[in-house]
Amino acid sequence: MTELEADPAGQAPGRFGFDEPELALHQAEAHLTLGRTDQARARAEASAAACTPGTPGWAAATLVLAQAEASDQPSDAAQRALDVLDRVPPSRLRATARTRLQRLEGLLAARPAEYVADLRERLHTLPPPVDASGAASA
């Protein structure tokens, strides 16, 4: 039996190019843009739960979840971002994750909460991204 036949619901990751966790991530980002933090949180949680921890998809969903939590749970948001930085080596951190981290730092700038200072310090000591040839970019 093939993988397609074994998946009657049609939810196999990557089936026909469709990825359910990625859809949930995009929905979470759309809700976040519209200021619907509860819906963003729910979709980001669903996306992160469907991903393997430490992978780029998991990092993206976790950082969107942190952004959704930043206004009313800044300590949790900062802790989530620190978890991403602990699990994903800087050399494997994608540009989109770095952008989400910068956005989160901005959202937490005026929030004196636990872990926020730690996150800020980690972000400022983060090495520059590495390009395809292995060189650090500025």
C-alpha atoms as a PDB file:
ATOM      1  CA  MET A   1       0.000   0.000   0.000  1.00  0.00           C
ATOM      2  CA  THR A   2       1.404   3.406  -0.905  1.00  0.00           C
ATOM      3  CA  GLU A   3       1.536   6.402   1.424  1.00  0.00           C
ATOM      4  CA  LEU A   4      -1.234   8.109  -0.538  1.00  0.00           C
ATOM      5  CA  GLU A   5      -3.510   5.089  -0.211  1.00  0.00           C
ATOM      6  CA  ALA A   6      -2.785   4.832   3.515  1.00  0.00           C
ATOM      7  CA  ASP A   7      -3.927   8.404   4.086  1.00  0.00           C
ATOM      8  CA  PRO A   8      -7.682   8.471   3.408  1.00  0.00           C
ATOM      9  CA  ALA A   9      -8.082  11.889   5.049  1.00  0.00           C
ATOM     10  CA  GLY A  10      -5.554  13.489   2.734  1.00  0.00           C
ATOM     11  CA  GLN A  11      -3.486  15.044   5.512  1.00  0.00           C
ATOM     12  CA  ALA A  12      -0.104  13.418   4.843  1.00  0.00           C
ATOM     13  CA  PRO A  13       2.595  16.101   5.142  1.00  0.00           C
ATOM     14  CA  GLY A  14       3.656  17.316   1.735  1.00  0.00           C
ATOM     15  CA  ARG A  15       0.860  15.520  -0.075  1.00  0.00           C
ATOM     16  CA  PHE A  16       0.395  17.273  -3.407  1.00  0.00           C
ATOM     17  CA  GLY A  17       2.554  20.063  -2.020  1.00  0.00           C
ATOM     18  CA  PHE A  18       0.086  20.771   0.791  1.00  0.00           C
ATOM     19  CA  ASP A  19       1.374  21.132   4.324  1.00  0.00           C
ATOM     20  CA  GLU A  20      -1.223  21.508   7.096  1.00  0.00           C
ATOM     21  CA  PRO A  21       1.213  22.980   9.692  1.00  0.00           C
ATOM     22  CA  GLU A  22       2.360  25.575   7.162  1.00  0.00           C
ATOM     23  CA  LEU A  23      -1.244  26.551   6.438  1.00  0.00           C
ATOM     24  CA  ALA A  24      -1.846  26.958  10.169  1.00  0.00           C
ATOM     25  CA  LEU A  25       1.298  29.116  10.385  1.00  0.00           C
ATOM     26  CA  HIS A  26       0.063  31.393   7.594  1.00  0.00           C
ATOM     27  CA  GLN A  27      -3.345  31.626   9.228  1.00  0.00           C
ATOM     28  CA  ALA A  28      -1.702  32.526  12.544  1.00  0.00           C
ATOM     29  CA  GLU A  29       0.320  35.285  10.900  1.00  0.00           C
ATOM     30  CA  ALA A  30      -2.796  36.647   9.186  1.00  0.00           C
ATOM     31  CA  HIS A  31      -4.710  36.700  12.474  1.00  0.00           C
ATOM     32  CA  LEU A  32      -1.746  38.387  14.143  1.00  0.00           C
ATOM     33  CA  THR A  33      -1.654  41.075  11.450  1.00  0.00           C
ATOM     34  CA  LEU A  34      -5.368  41.688  12.002  1.00  0.00           C
ATOM     35  CA  GLY A  35      -4.876  41.968  15.771  1.00  0.00           C
ATOM     36  CA  ARG A  36      -6.727  38.732  16.515  1.00  0.00           C
ATOM     37  CA  THR A  37      -4.235  37.421  19.040  1.00  0.00           C
ATOM     38  CA  ASP A  38      -6.443  34.628  20.421  1.00  0.00           C
ATOM     39  CA  GLN A  39      -6.972  33.150  16.960  1.00  0.00           C
ATOM     40  CA  ALA A  40      -3.285  33.685  16.108  1.00  0.00           C
ATOM     41  CA  ARG A  41      -2.287  31.885  19.267  1.00  0.00           C
ATOM     42  CA  ALA A  42      -4.558  28.914  18.531  1.00  0.00           C
ATOM     43  CA  ARG A  43      -3.334  28.491  14.936  1.00  0.00           C
ATOM     44  CA  ALA A  44       0.341  28.950  15.909  1.00  0.00           C
ATOM     45  CA  GLU A  45      -0.038  26.340  18.665  1.00  0.00           C
ATOM     46  CA  ALA A  46      -1.580  23.919  16.156  1.00  0.00           C
ATOM     47  CA  SER A  47       1.247  24.525  13.714  1.00  0.00           C
ATOM     48  CA  ALA A  48       3.993  24.108  16.315  1.00  0.00           C
ATOM     49  CA  ALA A  49       2.385  20.954  17.712  1.00  0.00           C
ATOM     50  CA  ALA A  50       2.401  19.356  14.259  1.00  0.00           C
ATOM     51  CA  CYS A  51       6.115  20.100  13.716  1.00  0.00           C
ATOM     52  CA  THR A  52       9.198  18.373  15.031  1.00  0.00           C
ATOM     53  CA  PRO A  53      10.839  20.573  17.707  1.00  0.00           C
ATOM     54  CA  GLY A  54      14.011  22.235  16.495  1.00  0.00           C
ATOM     55  CA  THR A  55      12.991  22.312  12.832  1.00  0.00           C
ATOM     56  CA  PRO A  56      12.524  25.540  10.843  1.00  0.00           C
ATOM     57  CA  GLY A  57       8.733  25.078  10.766  1.00  0.00           C
ATOM     58  CA  TRP A  58       8.599  24.582  14.508  1.00  0.00           C
ATOM     59  CA  ALA A  59      10.779  27.669  15.057  1.00  0.00           C
ATOM     60  CA  ALA A  60       8.529  29.769  12.824  1.00  0.00           C
ATOM     61  CA  ALA A  61       5.331  28.638  14.552  1.00  0.00           C
ATOM     62  CA  THR A  62       6.845  29.074  18.013  1.00  0.00           C
ATOM     63  CA  LEU A  63       8.012  32.595  17.224  1.00  0.00           C
ATOM     64  CA  VAL A  64       4.598  33.565  15.816  1.00  0.00           C
ATOM     65  CA  LEU A  65       3.053  32.157  18.985  1.00  0.00           C
ATOM     66  CA  ALA A  66       5.482  34.270  21.019  1.00  0.00           C
ATOM     67  CA  GLN A  67       4.455  37.363  19.061  1.00  0.00           C
ATOM     68  CA  ALA A  68       0.801  36.613  19.810  1.00  0.00           C
ATOM     69  CA  GLU A  69       1.620  36.318  23.518  1.00  0.00           C
ATOM     70  CA  ALA A  70       3.843  39.404  23.716  1.00  0.00           C
ATOM     71  CA  SER A  71       1.153  41.883  24.742  1.00  0.00           C
ATOM     72  CA  ASP A  72      -0.411  39.966  27.609  1.00  0.00           C
ATOM     73  CA  GLN A  73       2.172  37.286  28.471  1.00  0.00           C
ATOM     74  CA  PRO A  74       5.574  38.882  27.792  1.00  0.00           C
ATOM     75  CA  SER A  75       7.499  36.471  30.030  1.00  0.00           C
ATOM     76  CA  ASP A  76       6.051  33.463  28.207  1.00  0.00           C
ATOM     77  CA  ALA A  77       6.773  35.077  24.851  1.00  0.00           C
ATOM     78  CA  ALA A  78      10.395  35.755  25.765  1.00  0.00           C
ATOM     79  CA  GLN A  79      10.812  32.239  27.153  1.00  0.00           C
ATOM     80  CA  ARG A  80       9.487  30.724  23.912  1.00  0.00           C
ATOM     81  CA  ALA A  81      11.977  32.742  21.896  1.00  0.00           C
ATOM     82  CA  LEU A  82      14.797  31.664  24.198  1.00  0.00           C
ATOM     83  CA  ASP A  83      13.693  28.055  23.698  1.00  0.00           C
ATOM     84  CA  VAL A  84      14.010  28.524  19.929  1.00  0.00           C
ATOM     85  CA  LEU A  85      17.495  29.988  20.384  1.00  0.00           C
ATOM     86  CA  ASP A  86      18.444  27.044  22.627  1.00  0.00           C
ATOM     87  CA  ARG A  87      17.192  24.398  20.189  1.00  0.00           C
ATOM     88  CA  VAL A  88      18.203  25.907  16.838  1.00  0.00           C
ATOM     89  CA  PRO A  89      21.919  26.605  16.323  1.00  0.00           C
ATOM     90  CA  PRO A  90      22.597  30.147  15.044  1.00  0.00           C
ATOM     91  CA  SER A  91      24.028  28.759  11.804  1.00  0.00           C
ATOM     92  CA  ARG A  92      20.691  26.998  11.139  1.00  0.00           C
ATOM     93  CA  LEU A  93      18.482  29.958  12.069  1.00  0.00           C
ATOM     94  CA  ARG A  94      16.688  31.080   8.921  1.00  0.00           C
ATOM     95  CA  ALA A  95      16.346  34.703   7.879  1.00  0.00           C
ATOM     96  CA  THR A  96      12.586  34.521   8.474  1.00  0.00           C
ATOM     97  CA  ALA A  97      13.182  33.331  12.043  1.00  0.00           C
ATOM     98  CA  ARG A  98      15.622  36.198  12.593  1.00  0.00           C
ATOM     99  CA  THR A  99      12.986  38.616  11.286  1.00  0.00           C
ATOM    100  CA  ARG A 100      10.377  37.150  13.649  1.00  0.00           C
ATOM    101  CA  LEU A 101      12.855  37.455  16.537  1.00  0.00           C
ATOM    102  CA  GLN A 102      13.468  41.121  15.698  1.00  0.00           C
ATOM    103  CA  ARG A 103       9.732  41.771  15.517  1.00  0.00           C
ATOM    104  CA  LEU A 104       9.266  40.063  18.881  1.00  0.00           C
ATOM    105  CA  GLU A 105      12.065  42.125  20.392  1.00  0.00           C
ATOM    106  CA  GLY A 106      10.229  45.254  19.258  1.00  0.00           C
ATOM    107  CA  LEU A 107       6.952  44.037  20.752  1.00  0.00           C
ATOM    108  CA  LEU A 108       8.684  43.333  24.070  1.00  0.00           C
ATOM    109  CA  ALA A 109      10.746  46.539  24.147  1.00  0.00           C
ATOM    110  CA  ALA A 110       8.518  48.347  26.631  1.00  0.00           C
ATOM    111  CA  ARG A 111       7.662  45.278  28.695  1.00  0.00           C
ATOM    112  CA  PRO A 112       9.770  44.797  31.823  1.00  0.00           C
ATOM    113  CA  ALA A 113       9.060  41.106  32.278  1.00  0.00           C
ATOM    114  CA  GLU A 114      11.057  38.065  33.284  1.00  0.00           C
ATOM    115  CA  TYR A 115      13.301  36.701  30.500  1.00  0.00           C
ATOM    116  CA  VAL A 116      12.920  39.806  28.297  1.00  0.00           C
ATOM    117  CA  ALA A 117      16.368  41.147  29.232  1.00  0.00           C
ATOM    118  CA  ASP A 118      17.855  37.683  28.673  1.00  0.00           C
ATOM    119  CA  LEU A 119      16.254  37.508  25.245  1.00  0.00           C
ATOM    120  CA  ARG A 120      17.478  40.979  24.317  1.00  0.00           C
ATOM    121  CA  GLU A 121      21.022  40.036  25.328  1.00  0.00           C
ATOM    122  CA  ARG A 122      20.920  36.779  23.363  1.00  0.00           C
ATOM    123  CA  LEU A 123      19.635  38.569  20.275  1.00  0.00           C
ATOM    124  CA  HIS A 124      22.345  41.220  20.450  1.00  0.00           C
ATOM    125  CA  THR A 125      25.067  38.564  20.753  1.00  0.00           C
ATOM    126  CA  LEU A 126      23.612  36.402  17.977  1.00  0.00           C
ATOM    127  CA  PRO A 127      26.273  35.893  15.313  1.00  0.00           C
ATOM    128  CA  PRO A 128      25.501  37.214  11.839  1.00  0.00           C
ATOM    129  CA  PRO A 129      23.788  34.849   9.431  1.00  0.00           C
ATOM    130  CA  VAL A 130      25.904  32.529   7.322  1.00  0.00           C
ATOM    131  CA  ASP A 131      25.450  32.627   3.531  1.00  0.00           C
ATOM    132  CA  ALA A 132      25.414  29.630   1.198  1.00  0.00           C
ATOM    133  CA  SER A 133      29.206  29.664   0.874  1.00  0.00           C
ATOM    134  CA  GLY A 134      29.676  29.595   4.650  1.00  0.00           C
ATOM    135  CA  ALA A 135      30.700  33.216   5.065  1.00  0.00           C
ATOM    136  CA  ALA A 136      29.148  35.429   7.735  1.00  0.00           C
ATOM    137  CA  SER A 137      27.112  38.249   6.268  1.00  0.00           C
ATOM    138  CA  ALA A 138      26.941  41.617   7.944  1.00  0.00           C
END
